[in-house]
């Protein structure tokens, strides 16, 4: 009788190794998919956060601009109603124009 024990043990080892390799490949694929899904979720949240911050900053800049334009408009209304301007008193109006320009110097030049 011929003994098959050495070959059957060798085949069993191969089957175990192939099974371990298949399980490792499956776990690797699952881990990759999990990481990819998490990365995509983080990217989506970060993108929404950046968009939200940009909208908030744009709103703030727009409000700041409106306030500065209003201030310049108010200065112009005051200048237009001043007696020196209405009376064509150039020398008397110069300090008013200078003060109005200095009040909005961060916006006007």
Protein backbone atom coordinates (compact mmCIF):
# COMPACT_ATOMS: atom_id res chain seq x y z
CA UNK A 1 0.00 0.00 0.00
CA UNK A 2 1.13 3.44 -0.86
CA UNK A 3 0.79 6.05 1.84
CA UNK A 4 -0.84 9.33 0.77
CA UNK A 5 -0.34 11.10 4.07
CA UNK A 6 2.53 13.40 2.93
CA UNK A 7 0.59 14.64 -0.14
CA UNK A 8 -2.73 15.04 1.63
CA UNK A 9 -1.03 17.16 4.33
CA UNK A 10 0.67 19.27 1.66
CA UNK A 11 -2.61 19.77 -0.17
CA UNK A 12 -4.33 20.67 3.05
CA UNK A 13 -1.64 23.30 3.73
CA UNK A 14 -2.14 24.75 0.24
CA UNK A 15 -5.90 24.89 0.77
CA UNK A 16 -5.40 26.64 4.12
CA UNK A 17 -2.97 29.13 2.58
CA UNK A 18 -5.30 29.84 -0.36
CA UNK A 19 -8.21 30.28 2.07
CA UNK A 20 -6.18 32.67 4.22
CA UNK A 21 -5.10 34.61 1.12
CA UNK A 22 -8.71 34.84 -0.10
CA UNK A 23 -9.91 36.04 3.31
CA UNK A 24 -7.06 38.57 3.46
CA UNK A 25 -7.94 39.85 -0.03
CA UNK A 26 -11.62 40.14 0.92
CA UNK A 27 -10.80 41.98 4.15
CA UNK A 28 -8.42 44.25 2.26
CA UNK A 29 -11.13 45.09 -0.28
CA UNK A 30 -13.68 45.74 2.47
CA UNK A 31 -11.18 47.92 4.34
CA UNK A 32 -10.41 49.87 1.16
CA UNK A 33 -14.11 50.43 0.46
CA UNK A 34 -14.71 51.53 4.05
CA UNK A 35 -11.79 53.98 3.92
CA UNK A 36 -12.92 55.33 0.55
CA UNK A 37 -16.46 55.86 1.81
CA UNK A 38 -15.20 57.62 4.93
CA UNK A 39 -12.86 59.83 2.90
CA UNK A 40 -15.69 60.76 0.54
CA UNK A 41 -17.93 61.60 3.50
CA UNK A 42 -15.23 63.76 5.06
CA UNK A 43 -14.64 65.49 1.72
CA UNK A 44 -18.36 66.20 1.35
CA UNK A 45 -18.61 67.65 4.87
CA UNK A 46 -15.47 69.74 4.39
CA UNK A 47 -16.73 71.02 1.04
CA UNK A 48 -20.05 72.04 2.60
CA UNK A 49 -18.21 73.75 5.45
CA UNK A 50 -16.01 75.73 3.05
CA UNK A 51 -19.05 76.71 0.97
CA UNK A 52 -20.93 77.80 4.10
CA UNK A 53 -17.97 79.85 5.35
CA UNK A 54 -17.59 81.50 1.94
CA UNK A 55 -21.27 82.44 1.91
CA UNK A 56 -21.02 83.90 5.42
CA UNK A 57 -17.92 85.89 4.50
CA UNK A 58 -19.52 87.16 1.29
CA UNK A 59 -22.58 88.25 3.27
CA UNK A 60 -20.36 90.06 5.79
CA UNK A 61 -18.38 91.80 3.03
CA UNK A 62 -21.60 92.85 1.31
CA UNK A 63 -22.99 94.28 4.56
CA UNK A 64 -19.72 96.09 5.23
CA UNK A 65 -19.79 97.59 1.74
CA UNK A 66 -23.41 98.71 2.17
CA UNK A 67 -22.52 100.39 5.46
CA UNK A 68 -19.56 102.21 3.91
CA UNK A 69 -21.55 103.36 0.89
CA UNK A 70 -24.30 104.57 3.23
CA UNK A 71 -21.74 106.52 5.27
CA UNK A 72 -20.35 108.14 2.12
CA UNK A 73 -23.89 108.91 0.94
CA UNK A 74 -24.75 110.48 4.29
CA UNK A 75 -21.63 112.63 4.09
CA UNK A 76 -22.61 113.78 0.61
CA UNK A 77 -26.11 114.67 1.80
CA UNK A 78 -24.69 116.68 4.69
CA UNK A 79 -22.28 118.45 2.34
CA UNK A 80 -25.01 119.20 -0.18
CA UNK A 81 -27.17 120.80 2.53
CA UNK A 82 -24.39 122.80 4.15
CA UNK A 83 -24.68 126.58 3.93
CA UNK A 84 -21.13 126.90 2.60
CA UNK A 85 -21.86 124.63 -0.37
CA UNK A 86 -25.30 126.12 -0.99
CA UNK A 87 -23.80 129.62 -0.88
CA UNK A 88 -20.90 128.69 -3.21
CA UNK A 89 -18.42 129.52 -0.43
CA UNK A 90 -15.48 127.45 -1.66
CA UNK A 91 -13.12 128.47 1.16
CA UNK A 92 -15.76 127.72 3.77
CA UNK A 93 -16.61 124.35 2.18
CA UNK A 94 -13.03 123.02 2.05
CA UNK A 95 -12.93 122.04 5.76
CA UNK A 96 -16.30 120.29 5.35
CA UNK A 97 -15.06 118.30 2.36
CA UNK A 98 -11.84 117.42 4.20
CA UNK A 99 -13.74 116.25 7.28
CA UNK A 100 -16.17 114.22 5.19
CA UNK A 101 -13.32 112.58 3.28
CA UNK A 102 -11.43 111.76 6.48
CA UNK A 103 -14.57 110.23 8.00
CA UNK A 104 -14.67 107.71 5.16
CA UNK A 105 -10.96 107.62 4.31
CA UNK A 106 -10.84 103.82 4.58
CA UNK A 107 -13.34 103.69 1.73
CA UNK A 108 -12.81 106.89 -0.24
CA UNK A 109 -9.64 108.52 -1.44
